[in-house]
Amino acid sequence: MQTKEFERHLGSFVKLLKKEKNYLIKDDGESLTDLLPEKEGFVEILKEYQGDVSEKAHELITEIKAQQEENLLLTRQAISYQNMLMGAVKKNLSSPAGTYSKSAQVYAQPRTNFVDEEI
């Protein structure tokens, strides 16, 4: 593979990472999983290249590294949000639900649970 072809592949990889960033922001997990085979294809290209690394290739590699770090940060943020949400749901389910009357007495309400009916 020649240097120009390698630079073209690096540019395509940058575009793919930006697409991944947009999917992460939109919380589009299905589209993210569709990108995985494309990302895996670039691993072999990057691993097999034996030629000289031009200045443009260095710039693209730096951009790839920065985009990967940003995507990793977005992924961690999404996981943190999901964990926080699940913790809040779990806490809500474990505490008794009730309402207060004007005289400050607590009246118990029937529990409302989230049920996944697709199972």
Protein backbone atom coordinates (compact mmCIF):
# COMPACT_ATOMS: atom_id res chain seq x y z
CA MET A 1 0.00 0.00 0.00
CA GLN A 2 1.33 3.42 -0.90
CA THR A 3 1.37 6.52 1.28
CA LYS A 4 -1.49 8.27 -0.54
CA GLU A 5 -3.72 5.23 -0.23
CA PHE A 6 -2.88 4.97 3.48
CA GLU A 7 -3.76 8.66 3.95
CA ARG A 8 -7.06 8.06 2.15
CA HIS A 9 -7.86 5.19 4.53
CA LEU A 10 -6.98 7.38 7.52
CA GLY A 11 -9.31 10.10 6.24
CA SER A 12 -12.11 7.55 5.85
CA PHE A 13 -11.48 6.36 9.40
CA VAL A 14 -11.77 9.94 10.70
CA LYS A 15 -15.14 10.28 8.94
CA LEU A 16 -16.29 6.99 10.45
CA LEU A 17 -15.30 8.15 13.95
CA LYS A 18 -17.23 11.39 13.49
CA LYS A 19 -20.26 9.37 12.42
CA GLU A 20 -19.79 7.26 15.57
CA LYS A 21 -19.68 10.47 17.65
CA ASN A 22 -23.02 11.59 16.19
CA TYR A 23 -24.59 8.22 16.98
CA LEU A 24 -23.26 8.42 20.54
CA ILE A 25 -24.74 11.89 20.99
CA LYS A 26 -28.09 10.74 19.59
CA ASP A 27 -27.97 7.57 21.76
CA ASP A 28 -28.49 5.44 18.64
CA GLY A 29 -27.15 2.08 19.80
CA GLU A 30 -28.41 0.16 16.80
CA SER A 31 -26.48 2.33 14.34
CA LEU A 32 -23.41 2.10 16.57
CA THR A 33 -23.40 -1.67 16.35
CA ASP A 34 -23.70 -1.40 12.57
CA LEU A 35 -20.43 0.59 12.54
CA LEU A 36 -18.41 -2.09 14.33
CA PRO A 37 -17.63 -4.22 11.25
CA GLU A 38 -16.45 -1.08 9.43
CA LYS A 39 -14.15 -0.14 12.32
CA GLU A 40 -12.76 -3.67 12.44
CA GLY A 41 -11.88 -3.42 8.75
CA PHE A 42 -9.63 -0.46 9.46
CA VAL A 43 -7.68 -2.38 12.11
CA GLU A 44 -6.12 -4.65 9.50
CA ILE A 45 -5.29 -1.72 7.21
CA LEU A 46 -3.55 0.15 10.02
CA LYS A 47 -1.73 -2.94 11.23
CA GLU A 48 -0.42 -3.99 7.82
CA TYR A 49 0.93 -0.63 6.63
CA GLN A 50 4.73 -0.71 6.46
CA GLY A 51 5.52 2.46 4.49
CA ASP A 52 6.67 5.89 5.57
CA VAL A 53 4.30 8.05 7.59
CA SER A 54 3.93 11.46 5.97
CA GLU A 55 3.17 14.74 7.73
CA LYS A 56 -0.44 14.54 6.57
CA ALA A 57 -0.70 10.99 7.94
CA HIS A 58 0.66 12.22 11.31
CA GLU A 59 -2.03 14.91 11.38
CA LEU A 60 -4.74 12.38 10.56
CA ILE A 61 -3.46 9.98 13.22
CA THR A 62 -3.52 12.79 15.78
CA GLU A 63 -7.08 13.63 14.74
CA ILE A 64 -8.05 9.93 15.02
CA LYS A 65 -6.60 9.74 18.51
CA ALA A 66 -8.46 12.86 19.64
CA GLN A 67 -11.75 11.62 18.13
CA GLN A 68 -11.34 8.20 19.74
CA GLU A 69 -10.79 9.85 23.14
CA GLU A 70 -13.87 12.04 22.66
CA ASN A 71 -15.97 9.02 21.66
CA LEU A 72 -14.70 7.11 24.68
CA LEU A 73 -15.68 10.01 26.93
CA LEU A 74 -19.18 10.09 25.39
CA THR A 75 -19.49 6.33 25.89
CA ARG A 76 -18.48 6.61 29.55
CA GLN A 77 -20.92 9.47 30.04
CA ALA A 78 -23.76 7.40 28.55
CA ILE A 79 -22.91 4.43 30.78
CA SER A 80 -22.77 6.69 33.83
CA TYR A 81 -26.17 8.16 32.98
CA GLN A 82 -27.68 4.69 32.52
CA ASN A 83 -26.24 3.55 35.87
CA MET A 84 -27.62 6.64 37.60
CA LEU A 85 -31.03 6.11 36.02
CA MET A 86 -31.12 2.45 37.02
CA GLY A 87 -30.08 3.38 40.56
CA ALA A 88 -32.92 5.88 40.79
CA VAL A 89 -35.43 3.34 39.51
CA LYS A 90 -34.11 0.72 41.93
CA LYS A 91 -34.33 3.15 44.84
CA ASN A 92 -37.89 4.10 43.86
CA LEU A 93 -38.93 0.46 43.73
CA SER A 94 -37.41 -0.35 47.11
CA SER A 95 -39.04 2.50 49.05
CA PRO A 96 -42.76 2.45 49.88
CA ALA A 97 -44.87 4.82 47.88
CA GLY A 98 -47.31 7.05 49.74
CA THR A 99 -49.13 10.32 49.72
CA TYR A 100 -49.75 12.84 52.46
CA SER A 101 -53.11 14.19 53.63
CA LYS A 102 -53.72 17.70 54.90
CA SER A 103 -53.33 16.40 58.44
CA ALA A 104 -49.84 15.00 57.59
CA GLN A 105 -50.88 11.35 57.69
CA VAL A 106 -49.31 9.00 55.16
CA TYR A 107 -51.66 6.95 53.00
CA ALA A 108 -50.03 3.99 51.32
CA GLN A 109 -50.51 3.60 47.59
CA PRO A 110 -50.26 0.40 45.64
CA ARG A 111 -46.79 -0.10 44.21
CA THR A 112 -46.19 0.69 40.60
CA ASN A 113 -43.38 -1.31 38.97
CA PHE A 114 -41.75 -1.19 35.59
CA VAL A 115 -42.42 -4.43 33.77
CA ASP A 116 -40.81 -5.50 30.52
CA GLU A 117 -43.61 -7.39 28.80
CA GLU A 118 -41.50 -8.38 25.79
CA ILE A 119 -39.73 -11.20 27.62
